[in-house]
C-alpha atoms as a PDB file:
ATOM      1  CA  SER A   1      93.792  90.068 145.183  1.00  0.00           C
ATOM      2  CA  LEU A   2      94.395  86.331 145.167  1.00  0.00           C
ATOM      3  CA  ARG A   3      91.648  83.732 145.064  1.00  0.00           C
ATOM      4  CA  LEU A   4      92.283  80.024 145.234  1.00  0.00           C
ATOM      5  CA  PHE A   5      89.738  77.318 144.556  1.00  0.00           C
ATOM      6  CA  GLN A   6      90.270  73.606 144.914  1.00  0.00           C
ATOM      7  CA  ILE A   7      87.637  71.408 143.353  1.00  0.00           C
ATOM      8  CA  TRP A   8      87.303  67.755 144.230  1.00  0.00           C
ATOM      9  CA  LEU A   9      85.180  65.411 142.143  1.00  0.00           C
ATOM     10  CA  ASN A  10      84.176  62.165 143.797  1.00  0.00           C
ATOM     11  CA  LEU A  11      85.373  59.042 142.010  1.00  0.00           C
ATOM     12  CA  PRO A  12      82.887  56.712 140.362  1.00  0.00           C
ATOM     13  CA  ALA A  13      82.190  53.572 142.425  1.00  0.00           C
ATOM     14  CA  VAL A  14      84.247  51.378 140.085  1.00  0.00           C
ATOM     15  CA  SER A  15      87.324  53.581 140.698  1.00  0.00           C
ATOM     16  CA  LYS A  16      87.188  53.947 144.502  1.00  0.00           C
ATOM     17  CA  MET A  17      90.320  51.860 145.140  1.00  0.00           C
ATOM     18  CA  VAL A  18      92.569  53.164 142.329  1.00  0.00           C
ATOM     19  CA  GLN A  19      95.921  54.777 143.007  1.00  0.00           C
ATOM     20  CA  PRO A  20      95.604  58.482 143.890  1.00  0.00           C
ATOM     21  CA  SER A  21      96.151  60.895 141.044  1.00  0.00           C
ATOM     22  CA  PHE A  22      95.840  64.581 140.299  1.00  0.00           C
ATOM     23  CA  ALA A  23      96.278  66.881 137.345  1.00  0.00           C
ATOM     24  CA  MET A  24      98.222  70.132 137.400  1.00  0.00           C
ATOM     25  CA  PHE A  25      96.930  72.716 134.958  1.00  0.00           C
ATOM     26  CA  TRP A  26      99.482  75.461 134.398  1.00  0.00           C
ATOM     27  CA  ASN A  27      97.961  78.858 133.696  1.00  0.00           C
ATOM     28  CA  SER A  28      99.578  79.124 130.256  1.00  0.00           C
ATOM     29  CA  ASP A  29      98.063  75.764 129.220  1.00  0.00           C
ATOM     30  CA  VAL A  30      94.475  76.464 130.268  1.00  0.00           C
ATOM     31  CA  PRO A  31      92.246  77.571 127.364  1.00  0.00           C
ATOM     32  CA  VAL A  32      90.503  80.951 127.652  1.00  0.00           C
ATOM     33  CA  TYR A  33      87.576  81.986 125.449  1.00  0.00           C
ATOM     34  CA  LYS A  34      86.777  85.685 124.960  1.00  0.00           C
ATOM     35  CA  THR A  35      83.653  87.161 123.447  1.00  0.00           C
ATOM     36  CA  ASP A  36      84.066  89.326 120.352  1.00  0.00           C
ATOM     37  CA  ASP A  37      83.629  92.510 122.399  1.00  0.00           C
ATOM     38  CA  GLU A  38      86.056  91.123 125.054  1.00  0.00           C
ATOM     39  CA  LYS A  39      83.597  91.993 127.835  1.00  0.00           C
ATOM     40  CA  ALA A  40      83.288  88.352 128.866  1.00  0.00           C
ATOM     41  CA  SER A  41      85.791  85.534 129.180  1.00  0.00           C
ATOM     42  CA  VAL A  42      85.631  81.877 130.103  1.00  0.00           C
ATOM     43  CA  THR A  43      88.592  79.963 131.500  1.00  0.00           C
ATOM     44  CA  VAL A  44      87.937  76.310 130.683  1.00  0.00           C
ATOM     45  CA  TRP A  45      89.410  74.156 133.464  1.00  0.00           C
ATOM     46  CA  ALA A  46      87.517  71.016 132.466  1.00  0.00           C
ATOM     47  CA  GLY A  47      85.158  70.134 129.654  1.00  0.00           C
ATOM     48  CA  ASP A  48      84.979  71.132 126.034  1.00  0.00           C
ATOM     49  CA  TYR A  49      82.669  74.124 126.229  1.00  0.00           C
ATOM     50  CA  PHE A  50      83.812  77.330 124.534  1.00  0.00           C
ATOM     51  CA  LEU A  51      86.799  75.581 122.918  1.00  0.00           C
ATOM     52  CA  GLU A  52      87.707  76.254 119.314  1.00  0.00           C
ATOM     53  CA  GLU A  53      88.328  73.342 116.924  1.00  0.00           C
ATOM     54  CA  ASN A  54      92.122  73.416 117.239  1.00  0.00           C
ATOM     55  CA  VAL A  55      92.249  73.803 121.050  1.00  0.00           C
ATOM     56  CA  THR A  56      93.015  70.734 123.147  1.00  0.00           C
ATOM     57  CA  GLN A  57      91.769  70.590 126.718  1.00  0.00           C
ATOM     58  CA  ASN A  58      94.020  69.551 129.570  1.00  0.00           C
ATOM     59  CA  SER A  59      93.580  65.930 130.612  1.00  0.00           C
ATOM     60  CA  PRO A  60      91.940  65.269 133.992  1.00  0.00           C
ATOM     61  CA  PRO A  61      93.154  62.427 136.236  1.00  0.00           C
ATOM     62  CA  PRO A  62      92.510  59.122 134.421  1.00  0.00           C
ATOM     63  CA  ASP A  63      89.945  57.672 136.854  1.00  0.00           C
ATOM     64  CA  SER A  64      87.967  60.828 137.602  1.00  0.00           C
ATOM     65  CA  TRP A  65      84.418  61.651 136.544  1.00  0.00           C
ATOM     66  CA  ALA A  66      85.881  64.333 134.285  1.00  0.00           C
ATOM     67  CA  SER A  67      87.872  61.799 132.249  1.00  0.00           C
ATOM     68  CA  ASP A  68      84.665  60.146 130.984  1.00  0.00           C
ATOM     69  CA  PRO A  69      83.061  62.355 128.304  1.00  0.00           C
ATOM     70  CA  SER A  70      79.636  60.837 128.981  1.00  0.00           C
ATOM     71  CA  ASN A  71      79.631  62.607 132.382  1.00  0.00           C
ATOM     72  CA  ASP A  72      79.866  65.962 130.602  1.00  0.00           C
ATOM     73  CA  VAL A  73      81.873  67.592 133.412  1.00  0.00           C
ATOM     74  CA  ALA A  74      82.518  71.299 132.916  1.00  0.00           C
ATOM     75  CA  VAL A  75      84.526  73.496 135.269  1.00  0.00           C
ATOM     76  CA  LEU A  76      84.464  77.063 134.003  1.00  0.00           C
ATOM     77  CA  HIS A  77      85.556  80.394 135.453  1.00  0.00           C
ATOM     78  CA  ILE A  78      83.383  83.040 133.814  1.00  0.00           C
ATOM     79  CA  THR A  79      84.103  86.750 134.063  1.00  0.00           C
ATOM     80  CA  VAL A  80      81.636  89.297 132.693  1.00  0.00           C
ATOM     81  CA  GLN A  81      82.457  93.001 132.652  1.00  0.00           C
ATOM     82  CA  PRO A  82      79.759  95.698 132.832  1.00  0.00           C
ATOM     83  CA  GLY A  83      77.806  95.733 129.590  1.00  0.00           C
ATOM     84  CA  GLY A  84      78.947  92.235 128.677  1.00  0.00           C
ATOM     85  CA  SER A  85      77.016  89.009 128.460  1.00  0.00           C
ATOM     86  CA  ILE A  86      77.585  85.341 127.850  1.00  0.00           C
ATOM     87  CA  VAL A  87      75.352  82.303 127.390  1.00  0.00           C
ATOM     88  CA  ILE A  88      76.405  79.032 128.972  1.00  0.00           C
ATOM     89  CA  PRO A  89      75.682  76.272 126.438  1.00  0.00           C
ATOM     90  CA  LYS A  90      73.328  73.431 127.301  1.00  0.00           C
ATOM     91  CA  ALA A  91      74.844  70.062 128.203  1.00  0.00           C
ATOM     92  CA  ASN A  92      76.468  68.113 125.366  1.00  0.00           C
ATOM     93  CA  SER A  93      74.727  64.882 126.245  1.00  0.00           C
ATOM     94  CA  THR A  94      71.091  63.981 126.593  1.00  0.00           C
ATOM     95  CA  ALA A  95      71.750  62.301 129.940  1.00  0.00           C
ATOM     96  CA  ASP A  96      70.414  63.737 133.170  1.00  0.00           C
ATOM     97  CA  ILE A  97      73.146  66.327 133.828  1.00  0.00           C
ATOM     98  CA  ASN A  98      73.200  68.504 136.950  1.00  0.00           C
ATOM     99  CA  ARG A  99      74.764  71.960 136.802  1.00  0.00           C
ATOM    100  CA  SER A 100      75.662  74.396 139.576  1.00  0.00           C
ATOM    101  CA  VAL A 101      76.662  78.030 139.247  1.00  0.00           C
ATOM    102  CA  TYR A 102      78.548  79.725 142.076  1.00  0.00           C
ATOM    103  CA  LEU A 103      78.467  83.505 142.018  1.00  0.00           C
ATOM    104  CA  ILE A 104      81.744  84.697 143.539  1.00  0.00           C
ATOM    105  CA  GLU A 105      81.394  88.432 143.014  1.00  0.00           C
ATOM    106  CA  GLY A 106      78.732  90.660 141.524  1.00  0.00           C
ATOM    107  CA  HIS A 107      74.989  90.923 141.829  1.00  0.00           C
ATOM    108  CA  GLU A 108      72.755  87.874 141.540  1.00  0.00           C
ATOM    109  CA  SER A 109      70.099  89.819 139.607  1.00  0.00           C
ATOM    110  CA  ASN A 110      72.513  89.832 136.654  1.00  0.00           C
ATOM    111  CA  VAL A 111      72.472  86.008 136.472  1.00  0.00           C
ATOM    112  CA  LYS A 112      69.538  84.595 134.542  1.00  0.00           C
END
């Protein structure tokens, strides 16, 4: 099956009139973290969560919320197989950070 997701992040007020920009993240360049038992994986589209020391994240468009580390933007695709588990780390900053989790497939009682 094929699933496509397009995520738009609103620009900060100071950047509303900048030239349009986008970032293309090729599959082979997107970091993927796997748990030791390989029952869970995290594809890291934006942010620095789950990245090892020597892994460089793709660069978001220069004027986006994601380009400012203080916004702590994270876009993650998490897959957990039966019997697997993963803990999403708390926000990197102490600022008031909002998080949303979208369950695409599976049972909500498994999300805590």
